[in-house]
Amino acid sequence: MGVIYHITSAEEWNNAKMQANDEGQFFYSAASLDTEGFIHCSNENQVNGVLQRYFDGKEGLVKLVIEPERLSSPVKYEKADSIGEDFPHVYGPINNSAVTDVIAL
């Protein structure tokens, strides 16, 4: 499985980083984990569509580059009925050691 991506605000990512322990480890969580039970992610070819559908006009965004094999939470690919594509969903918080890059958008 290749890298997956999660779009969030720089503020939310920075808030998660502020919770780091003495070894620099922390977990990022999105509101959807509480409301839907997972964190929405995308494959590379899906990122632009996600940005257009859900983040149009928003500023201060970042794209987390995630190595699924490093995640402490499971990843499941599930169909988004609204567009008929399978998307990766992370069923738990994202440990920062799985995030290999944070790209400003």
PDB file of N, CA and C in Angstrom:
ATOM      1  N   MET A   1       0.850  -1.170   0.000  1.00  0.00           N
ATOM      2  CA  MET A   1       0.000   0.000   0.000  1.00  0.00           C
ATOM      3  C   MET A   1       0.897   1.234   0.000  1.00  0.00           C
ATOM      4  N   GLY A   2       0.632   2.176  -0.896  1.00  0.00           N
ATOM      5  CA  GLY A   2       1.415   3.404  -0.983  1.00  0.00           C
ATOM      6  C   GLY A   2       0.960   4.429   0.035  1.00  0.00           C
ATOM      7  N   VAL A   3       1.580   5.584  -0.002  1.00  0.00           N
ATOM      8  CA  VAL A   3       1.227   6.635   0.945  1.00  0.00           C
ATOM      9  C   VAL A   3      -0.212   7.075   0.734  1.00  0.00           C
ATOM     10  N   ILE A   4      -0.794   7.587   1.810  1.00  0.00           N
ATOM     11  CA  ILE A   4      -2.131   8.170   1.768  1.00  0.00           C
ATOM     12  C   ILE A   4      -2.021   9.588   2.320  1.00  0.00           C
ATOM     13  N   TYR A   5      -3.072  10.362   2.130  1.00  0.00           N
ATOM     14  CA  TYR A   5      -3.043  11.778   2.475  1.00  0.00           C
ATOM     15  C   TYR A   5      -4.272  12.154   3.291  1.00  0.00           C
ATOM     16  N   HIS A   6      -4.074  13.118   4.170  1.00  0.00           N
ATOM     17  CA  HIS A   6      -5.186  13.682   4.937  1.00  0.00           C
ATOM     18  C   HIS A   6      -5.051  15.198   4.881  1.00  0.00           C
ATOM     19  N   ILE A   7      -6.160  15.871   4.585  1.00  0.00           N
ATOM     20  CA  ILE A   7      -6.189  17.331   4.538  1.00  0.00           C
ATOM     21  C   ILE A   7      -6.742  17.840   5.865  1.00  0.00           C
ATOM     22  N   THR A   8      -6.057  18.814   6.437  1.00  0.00           N
ATOM     23  CA  THR A   8      -6.510  19.433   7.674  1.00  0.00           C
ATOM     24  C   THR A   8      -6.017  20.868   7.702  1.00  0.00           C
ATOM     25  N   SER A   9      -6.365  21.586   8.735  1.00  0.00           N
ATOM     26  CA  SER A   9      -5.846  22.946   8.868  1.00  0.00           C
ATOM     27  C   SER A   9      -4.491  22.898   9.577  1.00  0.00           C
ATOM     28  N   ALA A  10      -3.664  23.864   9.261  1.00  0.00           N
ATOM     29  CA  ALA A  10      -2.373  23.968   9.944  1.00  0.00           C
ATOM     30  C   ALA A  10      -2.602  24.129  11.439  1.00  0.00           C
ATOM     31  N   GLU A  11      -3.656  24.833  11.810  1.00  0.00           N
ATOM     32  CA  GLU A  11      -3.974  25.046  13.229  1.00  0.00           C
ATOM     33  C   GLU A  11      -4.267  23.719  13.940  1.00  0.00           C
ATOM     34  N   GLU A  12      -5.076  22.857  13.317  1.00  0.00           N
ATOM     35  CA  GLU A  12      -5.397  21.565  13.934  1.00  0.00           C
ATOM     36  C   GLU A  12      -4.147  20.692  14.062  1.00  0.00           C
ATOM     37  N   TRP A  13      -3.292  20.702  13.039  1.00  0.00           N
ATOM     38  CA  TRP A  13      -2.053  19.933  13.095  1.00  0.00           C
ATOM     39  C   TRP A  13      -1.147  20.475  14.210  1.00  0.00           C
ATOM     40  N   ASN A  14      -1.028  21.798  14.292  1.00  0.00           N
ATOM     41  CA  ASN A  14      -0.190  22.404  15.326  1.00  0.00           C
ATOM     42  C   ASN A  14      -0.738  22.133  16.726  1.00  0.00           C
ATOM     43  N   ASN A  15      -2.067  22.114  16.871  1.00  0.00           N
ATOM     44  CA  ASN A  15      -2.672  21.781  18.164  1.00  0.00           C
ATOM     45  C   ASN A  15      -2.308  20.363  18.588  1.00  0.00           C
ATOM     46  N   ALA A  16      -2.295  19.439  17.639  1.00  0.00           N
ATOM     47  CA  ALA A  16      -1.911  18.061  17.945  1.00  0.00           C
ATOM     48  C   ALA A  16      -0.444  18.006  18.371  1.00  0.00           C
ATOM     49  N   LYS A  17       0.411  18.744  17.659  1.00  0.00           N
ATOM     50  CA  LYS A  17       1.845  18.749  17.977  1.00  0.00           C
ATOM     51  C   LYS A  17       2.108  19.271  19.393  1.00  0.00           C
ATOM     52  N   MET A  18       1.260  20.162  19.867  1.00  0.00           N
ATOM     53  CA  MET A  18       1.435  20.718  21.210  1.00  0.00           C
ATOM     54  C   MET A  18       1.211  19.672  22.298  1.00  0.00           C
ATOM     55  N   GLN A  19       0.627  18.544  21.934  1.00  0.00           N
ATOM     56  CA  GLN A  19       0.366  17.465  22.894  1.00  0.00           C
ATOM     57  C   GLN A  19       1.493  16.437  22.931  1.00  0.00           C
ATOM     58  N   ALA A  20       2.598  16.727  22.262  1.00  0.00           N
ATOM     59  CA  ALA A  20       3.714  15.772  22.175  1.00  0.00           C
ATOM     60  C   ALA A  20       4.269  15.468  23.562  1.00  0.00           C
ATOM     61  N   ASN A  21       4.670  14.213  23.742  1.00  0.00           N
ATOM     62  CA  ASN A  21       5.311  13.825  24.995  1.00  0.00           C
ATOM     63  C   ASN A  21       6.792  14.192  24.950  1.00  0.00           C
ATOM     64  N   ASP A  22       7.526  13.806  25.962  1.00  0.00           N
ATOM     65  CA  ASP A  22       8.944  14.162  26.052  1.00  0.00           C
ATOM     66  C   ASP A  22       9.771  13.601  24.901  1.00  0.00           C
ATOM     67  N   GLU A  23       9.317  12.515  24.288  1.00  0.00           N
ATOM     68  CA  GLU A  23      10.026  11.917  23.149  1.00  0.00           C
ATOM     69  C   GLU A  23       9.566  12.499  21.817  1.00  0.00           C
ATOM     70  N   GLY A  24       8.654  13.470  21.859  1.00  0.00           N
ATOM     71  CA  GLY A  24       8.166  14.094  20.634  1.00  0.00           C
ATOM     72  C   GLY A  24       7.042  13.325  19.958  1.00  0.00           C
ATOM     73  N   GLN A  25       6.482  12.346  20.628  1.00  0.00           N
ATOM     74  CA  GLN A  25       5.408  11.546  20.036  1.00  0.00           C
ATOM     75  C   GLN A  25       4.053  12.165  20.363  1.00  0.00           C
ATOM     76  N   PHE A  26       3.175  12.155  19.372  1.00  0.00           N
ATOM     77  CA  PHE A  26       1.813  12.653  19.583  1.00  0.00           C
ATOM     78  C   PHE A  26       0.880  11.996  18.580  1.00  0.00           C
ATOM     79  N   PHE A  27      -0.410  12.226  18.780  1.00  0.00           N
ATOM     80  CA  PHE A  27      -1.445  11.687  17.906  1.00  0.00           C
ATOM     81  C   PHE A  27      -2.309  12.827  17.387  1.00  0.00           C
ATOM     82  N   TYR A  28      -2.661  12.736  16.118  1.00  0.00           N
ATOM     83  CA  TYR A  28      -3.579  13.683  15.492  1.00  0.00           C
ATOM     84  C   TYR A  28      -4.936  12.997  15.380  1.00  0.00           C
ATOM     85  N   SER A  29      -5.990  13.741  15.676  1.00  0.00           N
ATOM     86  CA  SER A  29      -7.335  13.214  15.523  1.00  0.00           C
ATOM     87  C   SER A  29      -8.209  14.256  14.843  1.00  0.00           C
ATOM     88  N   ALA A  30      -9.085  13.813  13.971  1.00  0.00           N
ATOM     89  CA  ALA A  30     -10.037  14.695  13.298  1.00  0.00           C
ATOM     90  C   ALA A  30     -11.406  14.531  13.942  1.00  0.00           C
ATOM     91  N   ALA A  31     -12.255  15.520  13.784  1.00  0.00           N
ATOM     92  CA  ALA A  31     -13.609  15.460  14.339  1.00  0.00           C
ATOM     93  C   ALA A  31     -14.368  14.242  13.831  1.00  0.00           C
ATOM     94  N   SER A  32     -14.085  13.818  12.601  1.00  0.00           N
ATOM     95  CA  SER A  32     -14.805  12.668  12.028  1.00  0.00           C
ATOM     96  C   SER A  32     -14.542  11.376  12.792  1.00  0.00           C
ATOM     97  N   LEU A  33     -13.438  11.305  13.529  1.00  0.00           N
ATOM     98  CA  LEU A  33     -13.184  10.100  14.322  1.00  0.00           C
ATOM     99  C   LEU A  33     -14.271   9.936  15.381  1.00  0.00           C
ATOM    100  N   ASP A  34     -14.707  11.044  15.977  1.00  0.00           N
ATOM    101  CA  ASP A  34     -15.784  10.988  16.968  1.00  0.00           C
ATOM    102  C   ASP A  34     -17.145  10.816  16.324  1.00  0.00           C
ATOM    103  N   THR A  35     -17.379  11.471  15.193  1.00  0.00           N
ATOM    104  CA  THR A  35     -18.715  11.461  14.591  1.00  0.00           C
ATOM    105  C   THR A  35     -18.962  10.273  13.665  1.00  0.00           C
ATOM    106  N   GLU A  36     -17.887   9.794  12.984  1.00  0.00           N
ATOM    107  CA  GLU A  36     -18.064   8.710  12.013  1.00  0.00           C
ATOM    108  C   GLU A  36     -17.259   7.457  12.354  1.00  0.00           C
ATOM    109  N   GLY A  37     -16.334   7.576  13.295  1.00  0.00           N
ATOM    110  CA  GLY A  37     -15.546   6.421  13.707  1.00  0.00           C
ATOM    111  C   GLY A  37     -14.241   6.248  12.956  1.00  0.00           C
ATOM    112  N   PHE A  38     -13.911   7.186  12.055  1.00  0.00           N
ATOM    113  CA  PHE A  38     -12.660   7.091  11.299  1.00  0.00           C
ATOM    114  C   PHE A  38     -12.226   8.472  10.829  1.00  0.00           C
ATOM    115  N   ILE A  39     -10.971   8.554  10.370  1.00  0.00           N
ATOM    116  CA  ILE A  39     -10.425   9.782   9.793  1.00  0.00           C
ATOM    117  C   ILE A  39     -10.359   9.600   8.282  1.00  0.00           C
ATOM    118  N   HIS A  40     -10.946  10.532   7.560  1.00  0.00           N
ATOM    119  CA  HIS A  40     -10.963  10.481   6.100  1.00  0.00           C
ATOM    120  C   HIS A  40      -9.570  10.730   5.533  1.00  0.00           C
ATOM    121  N   CYS A  41      -9.157   9.892   4.602  1.00  0.00           N
ATOM    122  CA  CYS A  41      -7.896  10.085   3.885  1.00  0.00           C
ATOM    123  C   CYS A  41      -8.148   9.880   2.397  1.00  0.00           C
ATOM    124  N   SER A  42      -7.117  10.102   1.604  1.00  0.00           N
ATOM    125  CA  SER A  42      -7.228   9.991   0.151  1.00  0.00           C
ATOM    126  C   SER A  42      -5.974   9.382  -0.428  1.00  0.00           C
ATOM    127  N   ASN A  43      -6.133   8.812  -1.608  1.00  0.00           N
ATOM    128  CA  ASN A  43      -4.977   8.445  -2.416  1.00  0.00           C
ATOM    129  C   ASN A  43      -4.557   9.704  -3.175  1.00  0.00           C
ATOM    130  N   GLU A  44      -3.368   9.677  -3.750  1.00  0.00           N
ATOM    131  CA  GLU A  44      -2.843  10.867  -4.428  1.00  0.00           C
ATOM    132  C   GLU A  44      -3.787  11.382  -5.505  1.00  0.00           C
ATOM    133  N   ASN A  45      -4.358  10.486  -6.291  1.00  0.00           N
ATOM    134  CA  ASN A  45      -5.238  10.904  -7.384  1.00  0.00           C
ATOM    135  C   ASN A  45      -6.591  11.429  -6.908  1.00  0.00           C
ATOM    136  N   GLN A  46      -6.878  11.345  -5.619  1.00  0.00           N
ATOM    137  CA  GLN A  46      -8.160  11.805  -5.078  1.00  0.00           C
ATOM    138  C   GLN A  46      -8.056  13.144  -4.349  1.00  0.00           C
ATOM    139  N   VAL A  47      -6.844  13.596  -4.067  1.00  0.00           N
ATOM    140  CA  VAL A  47      -6.652  14.791  -3.249  1.00  0.00           C
ATOM    141  C   VAL A  47      -7.299  16.021  -3.863  1.00  0.00           C
ATOM    142  N   ASN A  48      -7.094  16.281  -5.142  1.00  0.00           N
ATOM    143  CA  ASN A  48      -7.655  17.484  -5.765  1.00  0.00           C
ATOM    144  C   ASN A  48      -9.176  17.497  -5.696  1.00  0.00           C
ATOM    145  N   GLY A  49      -9.803  16.363  -5.915  1.00  0.00           N
ATOM    146  CA  GLY A  49     -11.261  16.289  -5.821  1.00  0.00           C
ATOM    147  C   GLY A  49     -11.752  16.564  -4.411  1.00  0.00           C
ATOM    148  N   VAL A  50     -11.048  16.044  -3.415  1.00  0.00           N
ATOM    149  CA  VAL A  50     -11.405  16.297  -2.012  1.00  0.00           C
ATOM    150  C   VAL A  50     -11.272  17.782  -1.705  1.00  0.00           C
ATOM    151  N   LEU A  51     -10.188  18.387  -2.166  1.00  0.00           N
ATOM    152  CA  LEU A  51      -9.995  19.826  -1.942  1.00  0.00           C
ATOM    153  C   LEU A  51     -11.132  20.630  -2.563  1.00  0.00           C
ATOM    154  N   GLN A  52     -11.538  20.278  -3.775  1.00  0.00           N
ATOM    155  CA  GLN A  52     -12.612  21.001  -4.459  1.00  0.00           C
ATOM    156  C   GLN A  52     -13.956  20.803  -3.760  1.00  0.00           C
ATOM    157  N   ARG A  53     -14.249  19.552  -3.345  1.00  0.00           N
ATOM    158  CA  ARG A  53     -15.554  19.253  -2.756  1.00  0.00           C
ATOM    159  C   ARG A  53     -15.711  19.782  -1.331  1.00  0.00           C
ATOM    160  N   TYR A  54     -14.663  19.718  -0.526  1.00  0.00           N
ATOM    161  CA  TYR A  54     -14.820  19.976   0.909  1.00  0.00           C
ATOM    162  C   TYR A  54     -14.025  21.163   1.449  1.00  0.00           C
ATOM    163  N   PHE A  55     -13.069  21.676   0.702  1.00  0.00           N
ATOM    164  CA  PHE A  55     -12.205  22.726   1.228  1.00  0.00           C
ATOM    165  C   PHE A  55     -12.125  23.954   0.318  1.00  0.00           C
ATOM    166  N   ASP A  56     -13.031  24.076  -0.624  1.00  0.00           N
ATOM    167  CA  ASP A  56     -13.000  25.186  -1.570  1.00  0.00           C
ATOM    168  C   ASP A  56     -13.051  26.522  -0.831  1.00  0.00           C
ATOM    169  N   GLY A  57     -12.090  27.387  -1.124  1.00  0.00           N
ATOM    170  CA  GLY A  57     -12.043  28.707  -0.522  1.00  0.00           C
ATOM    171  C   GLY A  57     -11.411  28.769   0.859  1.00  0.00           C
ATOM    172  N   LYS A  58     -11.058  27.643   1.427  1.00  0.00           N
ATOM    173  CA  LYS A  58     -10.450  27.631   2.760  1.00  0.00           C
ATOM    174  C   LYS A  58      -8.945  27.839   2.655  1.00  0.00           C
ATOM    175  N   GLU A  59      -8.412  28.546   3.618  1.00  0.00           N
ATOM    176  CA  GLU A  59      -6.986  28.833   3.644  1.00  0.00           C
ATOM    177  C   GLU A  59      -6.351  28.188   4.869  1.00  0.00           C
ATOM    178  N   GLY A  60      -5.019  28.172   4.882  1.00  0.00           N
ATOM    179  CA  GLY A  60      -4.302  27.631   6.033  1.00  0.00           C
ATOM    180  C   GLY A  60      -4.363  26.124   6.128  1.00  0.00           C
ATOM    181  N   LEU A  61      -4.463  25.470   4.972  1.00  0.00           N
ATOM    182  CA  LEU A  61      -4.565  24.006   4.956  1.00  0.00           C
ATOM    183  C   LEU A  61      -3.203  23.358   4.792  1.00  0.00           C
ATOM    184  N   VAL A  62      -3.107  22.137   5.297  1.00  0.00           N
ATOM    185  CA  VAL A  62      -1.921  21.317   5.092  1.00  0.00           C
ATOM    186  C   VAL A  62      -2.361  19.928   4.651  1.00  0.00           C
ATOM    187  N   LYS A  63      -1.454  19.268   3.950  1.00  0.00           N
ATOM    188  CA  LYS A  63      -1.679  17.889   3.509  1.00  0.00           C
ATOM    189  C   LYS A  63      -0.690  17.009   4.264  1.00  0.00           C
ATOM    190  N   LEU A  64      -1.207  16.084   5.066  1.00  0.00           N
ATOM    191  CA  LEU A  64      -0.366  15.131   5.773  1.00  0.00           C
ATOM    192  C   LEU A  64      -0.060  13.974   4.842  1.00  0.00           C
ATOM    193  N   VAL A  65       1.205  13.635   4.713  1.00  0.00           N
ATOM    194  CA  VAL A  65       1.637  12.486   3.927  1.00  0.00           C
ATOM    195  C   VAL A  65       1.857  11.349   4.921  1.00  0.00           C
ATOM    196  N   ILE A  66       1.100  10.269   4.766  1.00  0.00           N
ATOM    197  CA  ILE A  66       1.047   9.203   5.769  1.00  0.00           C
ATOM    198  C   ILE A  66       1.507   7.881   5.186  1.00  0.00           C
ATOM    199  N   GLU A  67       2.399   7.210   5.893  1.00  0.00           N
ATOM    200  CA  GLU A  67       2.830   5.846   5.548  1.00  0.00           C
ATOM    201  C   GLU A  67       1.917   4.874   6.288  1.00  0.00           C
ATOM    202  N   PRO A  68       0.978   4.219   5.601  1.00  0.00           N
ATOM    203  CA  PRO A  68       0.028   3.339   6.276  1.00  0.00           C
ATOM    204  C   PRO A  68       0.677   2.241   7.123  1.00  0.00           C
ATOM    205  N   GLU A  69       1.833   1.734   6.680  1.00  0.00           N
ATOM    206  CA  GLU A  69       2.495   0.659   7.403  1.00  0.00           C
ATOM    207  C   GLU A  69       2.995   1.114   8.775  1.00  0.00           C
ATOM    208  N   ARG A  70       3.146   2.405   8.962  1.00  0.00           N
ATOM    209  CA  ARG A  70       3.624   2.958  10.229  1.00  0.00           C
ATOM    210  C   ARG A  70       2.495   3.339  11.192  1.00  0.00           C
ATOM    211  N   LEU A  71       1.269   3.296  10.704  1.00  0.00           N
ATOM    212  CA  LEU A  71       0.136   3.686  11.541  1.00  0.00           C
ATOM    213  C   LEU A  71      -0.087   2.682  12.671  1.00  0.00           C
ATOM    214  N   SER A  72      -0.444   3.207  13.835  1.00  0.00           N
ATOM    215  CA  SER A  72      -0.813   2.331  14.946  1.00  0.00           C
ATOM    216  C   SER A  72      -2.307   2.002  14.899  1.00  0.00           C
ATOM    217  N   SER A  73      -3.058   2.674  14.043  1.00  0.00           N
ATOM    218  CA  SER A  73      -4.491   2.421  13.840  1.00  0.00           C
ATOM    219  C   SER A  73      -4.695   1.753  12.484  1.00  0.00           C
ATOM    220  N   PRO A  74      -5.723   0.916  12.374  1.00  0.00           N
ATOM    221  CA  PRO A  74      -5.963   0.228  11.100  1.00  0.00           C
ATOM    222  C   PRO A  74      -6.504   1.146  10.007  1.00  0.00           C
ATOM    223  N   VAL A  75      -6.186   0.784   8.760  1.00  0.00           N
ATOM    224  CA  VAL A  75      -6.693   1.485   7.573  1.00  0.00           C
ATOM    225  C   VAL A  75      -7.599   0.529   6.818  1.00  0.00           C
ATOM    226  N   LYS A  76      -8.761   1.030   6.415  1.00  0.00           N
ATOM    227  CA  LYS A  76      -9.681   0.246   5.593  1.00  0.00           C
ATOM    228  C   LYS A  76     -10.074   1.083   4.389  1.00  0.00           C
ATOM    229  N   TYR A  77     -10.094   0.452   3.221  1.00  0.00           N
ATOM    230  CA  TYR A  77     -10.582   1.130   2.019  1.00  0.00           C
ATOM    231  C   TYR A  77     -12.075   0.869   1.916  1.00  0.00           C
ATOM    232  N   GLU A  78     -12.838   1.961   1.811  1.00  0.00           N
ATOM    233  CA  GLU A  78     -14.285   1.849   1.759  1.00  0.00           C
ATOM    234  C   GLU A  78     -14.841   2.790   0.697  1.00  0.00           C
ATOM    235  N   LYS A  79     -15.934   2.351   0.101  1.00  0.00           N
ATOM    236  CA  LYS A  79     -16.540   3.100  -1.002  1.00  0.00           C
ATOM    237  C   LYS A  79     -17.292   4.328  -0.481  1.00  0.00           C
ATOM    238  N   ALA A  80     -17.029   5.453  -1.118  1.00  0.00           N
ATOM    239  CA  ALA A  80     -17.817   6.673  -0.892  1.00  0.00           C
ATOM    240  C   ALA A  80     -18.948   6.623  -1.905  1.00  0.00           C
ATOM    241  N   ASP A  81     -20.137   6.349  -1.436  1.00  0.00           N
ATOM    242  CA  ASP A  81     -21.274   6.182  -2.341  1.00  0.00           C
ATOM    243  C   ASP A  81     -21.540   7.423  -3.186  1.00  0.00           C
ATOM    244  N   SER A  82     -21.209   8.602  -2.650  1.00  0.00           N
ATOM    245  CA  SER A  82     -21.510   9.837  -3.375  1.00  0.00           C
ATOM    246  C   SER A  82     -20.742   9.953  -4.685  1.00  0.00           C
ATOM    247  N   ILE A  83     -19.539   9.348  -4.764  1.00  0.00           N
ATOM    248  CA  ILE A  83     -18.773   9.423  -6.013  1.00  0.00           C
ATOM    249  C   ILE A  83     -18.322   8.052  -6.504  1.00  0.00           C
ATOM    250  N   GLY A  84     -18.647   7.003  -5.769  1.00  0.00           N
ATOM    251  CA  GLY A  84     -18.360   5.650  -6.226  1.00  0.00           C
ATOM    252  C   GLY A  84     -16.891   5.271  -6.235  1.00  0.00           C
ATOM    253  N   GLU A  85     -16.088   5.871  -5.356  1.00  0.00           N
ATOM    254  CA  GLU A  85     -14.666   5.544  -5.268  1.00  0.00           C
ATOM    255  C   GLU A  85     -14.341   4.999  -3.893  1.00  0.00           C
ATOM    256  N   ASP A  86     -13.320   4.147  -3.823  1.00  0.00           N
ATOM    257  CA  ASP A  86     -12.823   3.652  -2.548  1.00  0.00           C
ATOM    258  C   ASP A  86     -11.809   4.638  -1.985  1.00  0.00           C
ATOM    259  N   PHE A  87     -11.990   4.993  -0.721  1.00  0.00           N
ATOM    260  CA  PHE A  87     -11.088   5.902  -0.017  1.00  0.00           C
ATOM    261  C   PHE A  87     -10.508   5.210   1.203  1.00  0.00           C
ATOM    262  N   PRO A  88      -9.268   5.546   1.571  1.00  0.00           N
ATOM    263  CA  PRO A  88      -8.700   4.995   2.796  1.00  0.00           C
ATOM    264  C   PRO A  88      -9.256   5.729   4.019  1.00  0.00           C
ATOM    265  N   HIS A  89      -9.668   4.958   5.004  1.00  0.00           N
ATOM    266  CA  HIS A  89     -10.167   5.499   6.265  1.00  0.00           C
ATOM    267  C   HIS A  89      -9.293   4.951   7.382  1.00  0.00           C
ATOM    268  N   VAL A  90      -8.852   5.830   8.268  1.00  0.00           N
ATOM    269  CA  VAL A  90      -8.021   5.427   9.404  1.00  0.00           C
ATOM    270  C   VAL A  90      -8.930   5.314  10.620  1.00  0.00           C
ATOM    271  N   TYR A  91      -9.010   4.108  11.174  1.00  0.00           N
ATOM    272  CA  TYR A  91      -9.902   3.817  12.291  1.00  0.00           C
ATOM    273  C   TYR A  91      -9.196   3.998  13.630  1.00  0.00           C
ATOM    274  N   GLY A  92      -8.859   5.244  13.904  1.00  0.00           N
ATOM    275  CA  GLY A  92      -8.201   5.622  15.147  1.00  0.00           C
ATOM    276  C   GLY A  92      -7.357   6.845  14.890  1.00  0.00           C
ATOM    277  N   PRO A  93      -6.712   7.360  15.926  1.00  0.00           N
ATOM    278  CA  PRO A  93      -5.873   8.543  15.736  1.00  0.00           C
ATOM    279  C   PRO A  93      -4.645   8.214  14.897  1.00  0.00           C
ATOM    280  N   ILE A  94      -4.067   9.245  14.303  1.00  0.00           N
ATOM    281  CA  ILE A  94      -2.880   9.102  13.464  1.00  0.00           C
ATOM    282  C   ILE A  94      -1.654   9.447  14.301  1.00  0.00           C
ATOM    283  N   ASN A  95      -0.791   8.471  14.507  1.00  0.00           N
ATOM    284  CA  ASN A  95       0.447   8.714  15.240  1.00  0.00           C
ATOM    285  C   ASN A  95       1.409   9.505  14.366  1.00  0.00           C
ATOM    286  N   ASN A  96       2.089  10.482  14.965  1.00  0.00           N
ATOM    287  CA  ASN A  96       2.948  11.361  14.174  1.00  0.00           C
ATOM    288  C   ASN A  96       4.106  10.625  13.515  1.00  0.00           C
ATOM    289  N   SER A  97       4.499   9.486  14.033  1.00  0.00           N
ATOM    290  CA  SER A  97       5.593   8.733  13.410  1.00  0.00           C
ATOM    291  C   SER A  97       5.192   8.146  12.061  1.00  0.00           C
ATOM    292  N   ALA A  98       3.898   8.140  11.747  1.00  0.00           N
ATOM    293  CA  ALA A  98       3.424   7.673  10.442  1.00  0.00           C
ATOM    294  C   ALA A  98       3.359   8.812   9.422  1.00  0.00           C
ATOM    295  N   VAL A  99       3.487  10.043   9.891  1.00  0.00           N
ATOM    296  CA  VAL A  99       3.421  11.210   9.004  1.00  0.00           C
ATOM    297  C   VAL A  99       4.826  11.553   8.558  1.00  0.00           C
ATOM    298  N   THR A 100       5.078  11.381   7.252  1.00  0.00           N
ATOM    299  CA  THR A 100       6.431  11.596   6.728  1.00  0.00           C
ATOM    300  C   THR A 100       6.656  13.001   6.199  1.00  0.00           C
ATOM    301  N   ASP A 101       5.559  13.741   5.964  1.00  0.00           N
ATOM    302  CA  ASP A 101       5.705  15.108   5.486  1.00  0.00           C
ATOM    303  C   ASP A 101       4.414  15.850   5.752  1.00  0.00           C
ATOM    304  N   VAL A 102       4.526  17.160   5.918  1.00  0.00           N
ATOM    305  CA  VAL A 102       3.379  18.043   6.069  1.00  0.00           C
ATOM    306  C   VAL A 102       3.563  19.153   5.041  1.00  0.00           C
ATOM    307  N   ILE A 103       2.665  19.206   4.078  1.00  0.00           N
ATOM    308  CA  ILE A 103       2.813  20.115   2.936  1.00  0.00           C
ATOM    309  C   ILE A 103       1.751  21.212   3.033  1.00  0.00           C
ATOM    310  N   ALA A 104       2.192  22.461   3.054  1.00  0.00           N
ATOM    311  CA  ALA A 104       1.262  23.584   3.050  1.00  0.00           C
ATOM    312  C   ALA A 104       0.554  23.657   1.707  1.00  0.00           C
ATOM    313  N   LEU A 105      -0.745  23.907   1.745  1.00  0.00           N
ATOM    314  CA  LEU A 105      -1.542  24.007   0.508  1.00  0.00           C
ATOM    315  C   LEU A 105      -1.980  25.439   0.278  1.00  0.00           C
TER     316      LEU A 105
END
